[in-house]
Amino acid sequence: MQKENLLIVIATDDRDSILKFPLLYGGVALPRGYWKRVHIMFWGASIQTLVSDETVQQKVQTMLQEGVEFSSCIVCANEYHATQKLEALGVVCNHTGELLTTALQNDRDWALLTL
C-alpha cells in the first residue's frame, strides 16, 4: 500500500528555506497529484516568519485555496502572541503534537518531512 498523506513540519525561521522547500513542494503536491492530503505545521521560530512576512502569508493563502491544510503549535503561537494573526490567516492553532505523533506512529499512511 502506498502512502497518501504528507505532513511537513517547519521549525526554521529562514524565510528563503521556508519559501523554497516546504511551501514550494507543498504547493505543487496536490495539484500534481503527488499526495491526496498535504498538511503543513508551523512550529517554533517559523511562526514568527509567517506572521511577519507578507510573501509567506500570500503563499499560505494560495495553498489554502488549493486544499493544503495548515496548523500551528498553539503553545508556540501563544508564546509569540501570534494566535489571532495565525487564525486570521487560516492557520489552525492546536496541539499539533497529536497529528505529529499519529504520523510518526503510522508511517504506513503518512510521509513526514521536517525543516
C-alpha atoms as a PDB file:
ATOM      1  CA  MET A   1       0.000   0.000   0.000  1.00  0.00           C
ATOM      2  CA  GLN A   2       1.299   3.423  -0.958  1.00  0.00           C
ATOM      3  CA  LYS A   3       1.314   6.380   1.437  1.00  0.00           C
ATOM      4  CA  GLU A   4      -1.237   9.061   0.561  1.00  0.00           C
ATOM      5  CA  ASN A   5      -0.678  11.730   3.217  1.00  0.00           C
ATOM      6  CA  LEU A   6       2.201  14.168   3.584  1.00  0.00           C
ATOM      7  CA  LEU A   7       2.987  16.027   6.791  1.00  0.00           C
ATOM      8  CA  ILE A   8       5.557  18.809   6.600  1.00  0.00           C
ATOM      9  CA  VAL A   9       6.816  20.317   9.860  1.00  0.00           C
ATOM     10  CA  ILE A  10       8.521  23.714   9.608  1.00  0.00           C
ATOM     11  CA  ALA A  11      10.531  24.899  12.612  1.00  0.00           C
ATOM     12  CA  THR A  12      13.087  27.190  10.963  1.00  0.00           C
ATOM     13  CA  ASP A  13      12.780  30.957  10.761  1.00  0.00           C
ATOM     14  CA  ASP A  14      14.743  31.062   7.495  1.00  0.00           C
ATOM     15  CA  ARG A  15      12.360  32.741   5.054  1.00  0.00           C
ATOM     16  CA  ASP A  16      14.162  31.578   1.941  1.00  0.00           C
ATOM     17  CA  SER A  17      14.214  27.968   3.125  1.00  0.00           C
ATOM     18  CA  ILE A  18      10.505  28.112   4.008  1.00  0.00           C
ATOM     19  CA  LEU A  19       9.556  29.503   0.605  1.00  0.00           C
ATOM     20  CA  LYS A  20      11.868  27.356  -1.488  1.00  0.00           C
ATOM     21  CA  PHE A  21      11.298  23.956   0.094  1.00  0.00           C
ATOM     22  CA  PRO A  22       8.181  23.204   2.131  1.00  0.00           C
ATOM     23  CA  LEU A  23       5.927  25.843   0.599  1.00  0.00           C
ATOM     24  CA  LEU A  24       7.206  25.243  -2.921  1.00  0.00           C
ATOM     25  CA  TYR A  25       6.864  21.466  -2.785  1.00  0.00           C
ATOM     26  CA  GLY A  26       3.740  21.565  -0.633  1.00  0.00           C
ATOM     27  CA  GLY A  27       2.161  23.990  -3.084  1.00  0.00           C
ATOM     28  CA  VAL A  28       2.525  21.699  -6.086  1.00  0.00           C
ATOM     29  CA  ALA A  29       1.959  18.368  -4.335  1.00  0.00           C
ATOM     30  CA  LEU A  30      -1.859  18.399  -4.526  1.00  0.00           C
ATOM     31  CA  PRO A  31      -2.319  19.934  -7.995  1.00  0.00           C
ATOM     32  CA  ARG A  32       0.190  17.471  -9.461  1.00  0.00           C
ATOM     33  CA  GLY A  33      -1.377  14.532  -7.661  1.00  0.00           C
ATOM     34  CA  TYR A  34       1.726  13.595  -5.675  1.00  0.00           C
ATOM     35  CA  TRP A  35      -0.343  13.250  -2.488  1.00  0.00           C
ATOM     36  CA  LYS A  36      -4.029  13.096  -1.584  1.00  0.00           C
ATOM     37  CA  ARG A  37      -3.566  15.125   1.597  1.00  0.00           C
ATOM     38  CA  VAL A  38      -0.908  17.704   2.451  1.00  0.00           C
ATOM     39  CA  HIS A  39      -0.692  19.187   5.937  1.00  0.00           C
ATOM     40  CA  ILE A  40       1.913  21.778   6.887  1.00  0.00           C
ATOM     41  CA  MET A  41       2.703  22.592  10.531  1.00  0.00           C
ATOM     42  CA  PHE A  42       4.433  25.715  11.757  1.00  0.00           C
ATOM     43  CA  TRP A  43       6.361  25.214  14.986  1.00  0.00           C
ATOM     44  CA  GLY A  44       8.708  27.491  16.889  1.00  0.00           C
ATOM     45  CA  ALA A  45      10.539  30.216  15.028  1.00  0.00           C
ATOM     46  CA  SER A  46       8.716  29.567  11.748  1.00  0.00           C
ATOM     47  CA  ILE A  47       5.640  31.152  13.327  1.00  0.00           C
ATOM     48  CA  GLN A  48       7.411  34.497  13.615  1.00  0.00           C
ATOM     49  CA  THR A  49       8.389  34.351   9.964  1.00  0.00           C
ATOM     50  CA  LEU A  50       4.840  33.561   8.900  1.00  0.00           C
ATOM     51  CA  VAL A  51       3.214  36.357  10.882  1.00  0.00           C
ATOM     52  CA  SER A  52       5.783  38.958   9.829  1.00  0.00           C
ATOM     53  CA  ASP A  53       6.358  38.140   6.141  1.00  0.00           C
ATOM     54  CA  GLU A  54       3.701  39.110   3.622  1.00  0.00           C
ATOM     55  CA  THR A  55       5.112  36.894   0.859  1.00  0.00           C
ATOM     56  CA  VAL A  56       4.950  33.816   3.092  1.00  0.00           C
ATOM     57  CA  GLN A  57       1.411  34.784   4.128  1.00  0.00           C
ATOM     58  CA  GLN A  58       0.308  35.147   0.498  1.00  0.00           C
ATOM     59  CA  LYS A  59       1.763  31.746  -0.379  1.00  0.00           C
ATOM     60  CA  VAL A  60      -0.098  30.148   2.534  1.00  0.00           C
ATOM     61  CA  GLN A  61      -3.338  31.814   1.408  1.00  0.00           C
ATOM     62  CA  THR A  62      -2.929  30.464  -2.127  1.00  0.00           C
ATOM     63  CA  MET A  63      -2.142  26.987  -0.849  1.00  0.00           C
ATOM     64  CA  LEU A  64      -5.183  27.012   1.449  1.00  0.00           C
ATOM     65  CA  GLN A  65      -7.371  27.693  -1.588  1.00  0.00           C
ATOM     66  CA  GLU A  66      -5.799  24.672  -3.293  1.00  0.00           C
ATOM     67  CA  GLY A  67      -6.631  22.386  -0.365  1.00  0.00           C
ATOM     68  CA  VAL A  68      -3.393  22.312   1.643  1.00  0.00           C
ATOM     69  CA  GLU A  69      -4.072  22.184   5.383  1.00  0.00           C
ATOM     70  CA  PHE A  70      -2.119  24.347   7.825  1.00  0.00           C
ATOM     71  CA  SER A  71      -1.731  24.250  11.569  1.00  0.00           C
ATOM     72  CA  SER A  72       0.459  25.795  14.207  1.00  0.00           C
ATOM     73  CA  CYS A  73       1.578  24.709  17.620  1.00  0.00           C
ATOM     74  CA  ILE A  74      -0.808  26.509  19.982  1.00  0.00           C
ATOM     75  CA  VAL A  75       1.800  26.699  22.738  1.00  0.00           C
ATOM     76  CA  CYS A  76       4.322  28.345  20.416  1.00  0.00           C
ATOM     77  CA  ALA A  77       1.677  30.622  18.885  1.00  0.00           C
ATOM     78  CA  ASN A  78       0.644  31.834  22.334  1.00  0.00           C
ATOM     79  CA  GLU A  79       4.266  32.407  23.358  1.00  0.00           C
ATOM     80  CA  TYR A  80       4.794  34.556  20.244  1.00  0.00           C
ATOM     81  CA  HIS A  81       1.442  36.333  20.798  1.00  0.00           C
ATOM     82  CA  ALA A  82       0.560  35.248  17.261  1.00  0.00           C
ATOM     83  CA  THR A  83      -2.546  33.092  17.713  1.00  0.00           C
ATOM     84  CA  GLN A  84      -5.065  35.649  16.435  1.00  0.00           C
ATOM     85  CA  LYS A  85      -2.914  36.563  13.430  1.00  0.00           C
ATOM     86  CA  LEU A  86      -2.398  32.898  12.520  1.00  0.00           C
ATOM     87  CA  GLU A  87      -6.082  32.098  12.788  1.00  0.00           C
ATOM     88  CA  ALA A  88      -6.907  35.159  10.661  1.00  0.00           C
ATOM     89  CA  LEU A  89      -4.587  33.707   8.017  1.00  0.00           C
ATOM     90  CA  GLY A  90      -6.463  30.388   8.121  1.00  0.00           C
ATOM     91  CA  VAL A  91      -3.853  28.503  10.127  1.00  0.00           C
ATOM     92  CA  VAL A  92      -5.447  26.292  12.794  1.00  0.00           C
ATOM     93  CA  CYS A  93      -3.767  26.694  16.175  1.00  0.00           C
ATOM     94  CA  ASN A  94      -3.965  23.479  18.169  1.00  0.00           C
ATOM     95  CA  HIS A  95      -1.926  20.809  19.902  1.00  0.00           C
ATOM     96  CA  THR A  96      -0.030  19.756  16.798  1.00  0.00           C
ATOM     97  CA  GLY A  97       1.772  17.052  18.703  1.00  0.00           C
ATOM     98  CA  GLU A  98      -1.280  14.841  18.246  1.00  0.00           C
ATOM     99  CA  LEU A  99      -1.083  14.802  14.436  1.00  0.00           C
ATOM    100  CA  LEU A 100       2.704  14.592  14.533  1.00  0.00           C
ATOM    101  CA  THR A 101       2.504  11.564  16.828  1.00  0.00           C
ATOM    102  CA  THR A 102      -0.078   9.934  14.565  1.00  0.00           C
ATOM    103  CA  ALA A 103       2.162  10.468  11.534  1.00  0.00           C
ATOM    104  CA  LEU A 104       5.239   9.159  13.342  1.00  0.00           C
ATOM    105  CA  GLN A 105       3.454   6.083  14.617  1.00  0.00           C
ATOM    106  CA  ASN A 106       1.597   5.362  11.386  1.00  0.00           C
ATOM    107  CA  ASP A 107       4.284   5.530   8.721  1.00  0.00           C
ATOM    108  CA  ARG A 108       2.171   3.272   6.526  1.00  0.00           C
ATOM    109  CA  ASP A 109      -0.218   6.175   5.761  1.00  0.00           C
ATOM    110  CA  TRP A 110       1.924   9.243   6.415  1.00  0.00           C
ATOM    111  CA  ALA A 111       5.157  10.535   4.959  1.00  0.00           C
ATOM    112  CA  LEU A 112       6.924  13.120   7.116  1.00  0.00           C
ATOM    113  CA  LEU A 113       9.293  15.940   6.112  1.00  0.00           C
ATOM    114  CA  THR A 114      10.850  18.319   8.609  1.00  0.00           C
ATOM    115  CA  LEU A 115      12.701  21.568   8.192  1.00  0.00           C
END
